[in-house]
C-alpha cells in the first residue's frame, strides 16, 4: 500500500506506507496506472 505525492511543479512520487522502502519518483514520459483499491487485509484475519 502507498500514497501518491504531487505538488504543482514538483515530481510525482509513490510513497510506501513502510518506511523501509524509499519513495519512487516518476520521470517525464513514465506512466502510472492504479489497478484498484485495497479493501481487505488477509494478514489480520490470519494473525500473521
PDB file of N, CA and C in Angstrom:
ATOM      1  N   UNK A   1       0.842  -1.169   0.000  1.00  0.00           N
ATOM      2  CA  UNK A   1       0.000   0.000   0.000  1.00  0.00           C
ATOM      3  C   UNK A   1       0.893   1.239   0.000  1.00  0.00           C
ATOM      4  N   UNK A   2       0.360   2.293  -0.495  1.00  0.00           N
ATOM      5  CA  UNK A   2       1.120   3.529  -0.530  1.00  0.00           C
ATOM      6  C   UNK A   2       0.235   4.694  -0.900  1.00  0.00           C
ATOM      7  N   UNK A   3       0.845   5.845  -1.016  1.00  0.00           N
ATOM      8  CA  UNK A   3       0.131   7.044  -1.415  1.00  0.00           C
ATOM      9  C   UNK A   3       0.897   7.716  -2.542  1.00  0.00           C
ATOM     10  N   UNK A   4       0.240   8.610  -3.217  1.00  0.00           N
ATOM     11  CA  UNK A   4       0.858   9.368  -4.293  1.00  0.00           C
ATOM     12  C   UNK A   4       1.015  10.800  -3.822  1.00  0.00           C
ATOM     13  N   UNK A   5       2.219  11.333  -3.976  1.00  0.00           N
ATOM     14  CA  UNK A   5       2.509  12.706  -3.566  1.00  0.00           C
ATOM     15  C   UNK A   5       2.741  13.559  -4.808  1.00  0.00           C
ATOM     16  N   UNK A   6       2.058  14.693  -4.882  1.00  0.00           N
ATOM     17  CA  UNK A   6       2.266  15.598  -6.016  1.00  0.00           C
ATOM     18  C   UNK A   6       1.911  17.013  -5.605  1.00  0.00           C
ATOM     19  N   UNK A   7       2.813  17.933  -5.895  1.00  0.00           N
ATOM     20  CA  UNK A   7       2.540  19.351  -5.725  1.00  0.00           C
ATOM     21  C   UNK A   7       2.868  20.030  -7.042  1.00  0.00           C
ATOM     22  N   UNK A   8       2.135  21.046  -7.379  1.00  0.00           N
ATOM     23  CA  UNK A   8       2.326  21.741  -8.647  1.00  0.00           C
ATOM     24  C   UNK A   8       3.800  22.082  -8.859  1.00  0.00           C
ATOM     25  N   UNK A   9       4.335  21.681 -10.014  1.00  0.00           N
ATOM     26  CA  UNK A   9       5.711  21.980 -10.351  1.00  0.00           C
ATOM     27  C   UNK A   9       6.730  21.016  -9.771  1.00  0.00           C
ATOM     28  N   UNK A  10       6.272  20.005  -9.038  1.00  0.00           N
ATOM     29  CA  UNK A  10       7.194  19.032  -8.454  1.00  0.00           C
ATOM     30  C   UNK A  10       6.994  17.662  -9.089  1.00  0.00           C
ATOM     31  N   UNK A  11       7.904  16.757  -8.772  1.00  0.00           N
ATOM     32  CA  UNK A  11       7.853  15.395  -9.282  1.00  0.00           C
ATOM     33  C   UNK A  11       6.744  14.603  -8.592  1.00  0.00           C
ATOM     34  N   UNK A  12       6.083  13.735  -9.344  1.00  0.00           N
ATOM     35  CA  UNK A  12       5.097  12.828  -8.762  1.00  0.00           C
ATOM     36  C   UNK A  12       5.861  11.677  -8.123  1.00  0.00           C
ATOM     37  N   UNK A  13       5.506  11.335  -6.873  1.00  0.00           N
ATOM     38  CA  UNK A  13       6.193  10.264  -6.152  1.00  0.00           C
ATOM     39  C   UNK A  13       5.184   9.274  -5.596  1.00  0.00           C
ATOM     40  N   UNK A  14       5.560   8.003  -5.624  1.00  0.00           N
ATOM     41  CA  UNK A  14       4.790   6.957  -4.977  1.00  0.00           C
ATOM     42  C   UNK A  14       5.456   6.703  -3.629  1.00  0.00           C
ATOM     43  N   UNK A  15       4.710   6.894  -2.542  1.00  0.00           N
ATOM     44  CA  UNK A  15       5.251   6.770  -1.195  1.00  0.00           C
ATOM     45  C   UNK A  15       4.723   5.498  -0.542  1.00  0.00           C
ATOM     46  N   UNK A  16       5.649   4.635  -0.099  1.00  0.00           N
ATOM     47  CA  UNK A  16       5.272   3.392   0.573  1.00  0.00           C
ATOM     48  C   UNK A  16       4.826   3.692   1.999  1.00  0.00           C
ATOM     49  N   UNK A  17       3.899   2.918   2.513  1.00  0.00           N
ATOM     50  CA  UNK A  17       3.499   3.047   3.913  1.00  0.00           C
ATOM     51  C   UNK A  17       4.618   2.559   4.828  1.00  0.00           C
ATOM     52  N   UNK A  18       5.442   1.620   4.349  1.00  0.00           N
ATOM     53  CA  UNK A  18       6.563   1.079   5.113  1.00  0.00           C
ATOM     54  C   UNK A  18       7.781   1.960   4.881  1.00  0.00           C
ATOM     55  N   UNK A  19       8.308   2.566   5.939  1.00  0.00           N
ATOM     56  CA  UNK A  19       9.428   3.498   5.804  1.00  0.00           C
ATOM     57  C   UNK A  19      10.729   2.810   5.368  1.00  0.00           C
ATOM     58  N   UNK A  20      10.761   1.490   5.345  1.00  0.00           N
ATOM     59  CA  UNK A  20      11.949   0.759   4.881  1.00  0.00           C
ATOM     60  C   UNK A  20      12.116   0.868   3.368  1.00  0.00           C
ATOM     61  N   UNK A  21      11.076   1.290   2.663  1.00  0.00           N
ATOM     62  CA  UNK A  21      11.119   1.412   1.215  1.00  0.00           C
ATOM     63  C   UNK A  21      11.198   2.884   0.815  1.00  0.00           C
ATOM     64  N   UNK A  22      12.129   3.243  -0.052  1.00  0.00           N
ATOM     65  CA  UNK A  22      12.275   4.647  -0.463  1.00  0.00           C
ATOM     66  C   UNK A  22      11.152   5.066  -1.418  1.00  0.00           C
ATOM     67  N   UNK A  23      10.890   6.368  -1.521  1.00  0.00           N
ATOM     68  CA  UNK A  23       9.893   6.851  -2.484  1.00  0.00           C
ATOM     69  C   UNK A  23      10.331   6.523  -3.918  1.00  0.00           C
ATOM     70  N   UNK A  24       9.360   6.320  -4.781  1.00  0.00           N
ATOM     71  CA  UNK A  24       9.630   6.086  -6.198  1.00  0.00           C
ATOM     72  C   UNK A  24       9.188   7.342  -6.941  1.00  0.00           C
ATOM     73  N   UNK A  25      10.146   8.042  -7.533  1.00  0.00           N
ATOM     74  CA  UNK A  25       9.844   9.270  -8.273  1.00  0.00           C
ATOM     75  C   UNK A  25       9.601   8.930  -9.737  1.00  0.00           C
ATOM     76  N   UNK A  26       8.501   9.436 -10.282  1.00  0.00           N
ATOM     77  CA  UNK A  26       8.199   9.210 -11.698  1.00  0.00           C
ATOM     78  C   UNK A  26       8.879  10.288 -12.531  1.00  0.00           C
ATOM     79  N   UNK A  27       9.466   9.863 -13.629  1.00  0.00           N
ATOM     80  CA  UNK A  27      10.157  10.786 -14.521  1.00  0.00           C
ATOM     81  C   UNK A  27       9.264  11.125 -15.702  1.00  0.00           C
ATOM     82  N   UNK A  28       9.602  12.199 -16.405  1.00  0.00           N
ATOM     83  CA  UNK A  28       8.838  12.574 -17.604  1.00  0.00           C
ATOM     84  C   UNK A  28       8.748  11.395 -18.556  1.00  0.00           C
ATOM     85  N   UNK A  29       7.565  11.147 -19.053  1.00  0.00           N
ATOM     86  CA  UNK A  29       7.354  10.062 -20.005  1.00  0.00           C
ATOM     87  C   UNK A  29       6.955   8.752 -19.361  1.00  0.00           C
ATOM     88  N   UNK A  30       7.135   8.616 -18.045  1.00  0.00           N
ATOM     89  CA  UNK A  30       6.713   7.395 -17.369  1.00  0.00           C
ATOM     90  C   UNK A  30       5.220   7.457 -17.100  1.00  0.00           C
ATOM     91  N   UNK A  31       4.619   6.295 -17.006  1.00  0.00           N
ATOM     92  CA  UNK A  31       3.181   6.196 -16.808  1.00  0.00           C
ATOM     93  C   UNK A  31       2.898   5.470 -15.497  1.00  0.00           C
ATOM     94  N   UNK A  32       1.892   5.921 -14.774  1.00  0.00           N
ATOM     95  CA  UNK A  32       1.470   5.288 -13.528  1.00  0.00           C
ATOM     96  C   UNK A  32       0.028   4.835 -13.706  1.00  0.00           C
ATOM     97  N   UNK A  33      -0.204   3.562 -13.468  1.00  0.00           N
ATOM     98  CA  UNK A  33      -1.566   3.018 -13.529  1.00  0.00           C
ATOM     99  C   UNK A  33      -1.931   2.460 -12.164  1.00  0.00           C
ATOM    100  N   UNK A  34      -3.080   2.835 -11.682  1.00  0.00           N
ATOM    101  CA  UNK A  34      -3.583   2.314 -10.411  1.00  0.00           C
ATOM    102  C   UNK A  34      -4.667   1.311 -10.754  1.00  0.00           C
ATOM    103  N   UNK A  35      -4.440   0.057 -10.372  1.00  0.00           N
ATOM    104  CA  UNK A  35      -5.343  -1.019 -10.761  1.00  0.00           C
ATOM    105  C   UNK A  35      -6.544  -1.176  -9.840  1.00  0.00           C
ATOM    106  N   UNK A  36      -6.416  -0.784  -8.621  1.00  0.00           N
ATOM    107  CA  UNK A  36      -7.531  -0.977  -7.713  1.00  0.00           C
ATOM    108  C   UNK A  36      -7.232  -0.401  -6.343  1.00  0.00           C
ATOM    109  N   UNK A  37      -8.113  -0.668  -5.423  1.00  0.00           N
ATOM    110  CA  UNK A  37      -8.002  -0.151  -4.068  1.00  0.00           C
ATOM    111  C   UNK A  37      -8.047  -1.333  -3.108  1.00  0.00           C
ATOM    112  N   UNK A  38      -7.149  -1.349  -2.126  1.00  0.00           N
ATOM    113  CA  UNK A  38      -7.145  -2.410  -1.125  1.00  0.00           C
ATOM    114  C   UNK A  38      -8.345  -2.195  -0.211  1.00  0.00           C
ATOM    115  N   UNK A  39      -9.174  -3.223  -0.074  1.00  0.00           N
ATOM    116  CA  UNK A  39     -10.352  -3.110   0.777  1.00  0.00           C
ATOM    117  C   UNK A  39     -10.340  -4.104   1.921  1.00  0.00           C
ATOM    118  N   UNK A  40      -9.376  -5.049   1.914  1.00  0.00           N
ATOM    119  CA  UNK A  40      -9.327  -6.070   2.952  1.00  0.00           C
ATOM    120  C   UNK A  40      -7.892  -6.541   3.098  1.00  0.00           C
ATOM    121  N   UNK A  41      -7.459  -6.788   4.325  1.00  0.00           N
ATOM    122  CA  UNK A  41      -6.104  -7.256   4.589  1.00  0.00           C
ATOM    123  C   UNK A  41      -6.183  -8.639   5.208  1.00  0.00           C
ATOM    124  N   UNK A  42      -5.751  -9.648   4.468  1.00  0.00           N
ATOM    125  CA  UNK A  42      -5.836 -11.027   4.925  1.00  0.00           C
ATOM    126  C   UNK A  42      -4.912 -11.318   6.103  1.00  0.00           C
ATOM    127  N   UNK A  43      -3.826 -10.563   6.249  1.00  0.00           N
ATOM    128  CA  UNK A  43      -2.904 -10.801   7.356  1.00  0.00           C
ATOM    129  C   UNK A  43      -3.584 -10.642   8.714  1.00  0.00           C
ATOM    130  N   UNK A  44      -4.462  -9.690   8.854  1.00  0.00           N
ATOM    131  CA  UNK A  44      -5.166  -9.520  10.143  1.00  0.00           C
ATOM    132  C   UNK A  44      -6.031 -10.739  10.454  1.00  0.00           C
ATOM    133  N   UNK A  45      -6.664 -11.283   9.453  1.00  0.00           N
ATOM    134  CA  UNK A  45      -7.530 -12.444   9.640  1.00  0.00           C
ATOM    135  C   UNK A  45      -6.716 -13.649  10.093  1.00  0.00           C
ATOM    136  N   UNK A  46      -5.524 -13.808   9.519  1.00  0.00           N
ATOM    137  CA  UNK A  46      -4.689 -14.966   9.835  1.00  0.00           C
ATOM    138  C   UNK A  46      -3.744 -14.720  11.013  1.00  0.00           C
ATOM    139  N   UNK A  47      -3.752 -13.497  11.557  1.00  0.00           N
ATOM    140  CA  UNK A  47      -2.863 -13.114  12.656  1.00  0.00           C
ATOM    141  C   UNK A  47      -1.394 -13.335  12.300  1.00  0.00           C
ATOM    142  N   UNK A  48      -1.026 -12.995  11.069  1.00  0.00           N
ATOM    143  CA  UNK A  48       0.374 -13.142  10.612  1.00  0.00           C
ATOM    144  C   UNK A  48       1.090 -11.843  10.790  1.00  0.00           C
TER     145      UNK A  48
END
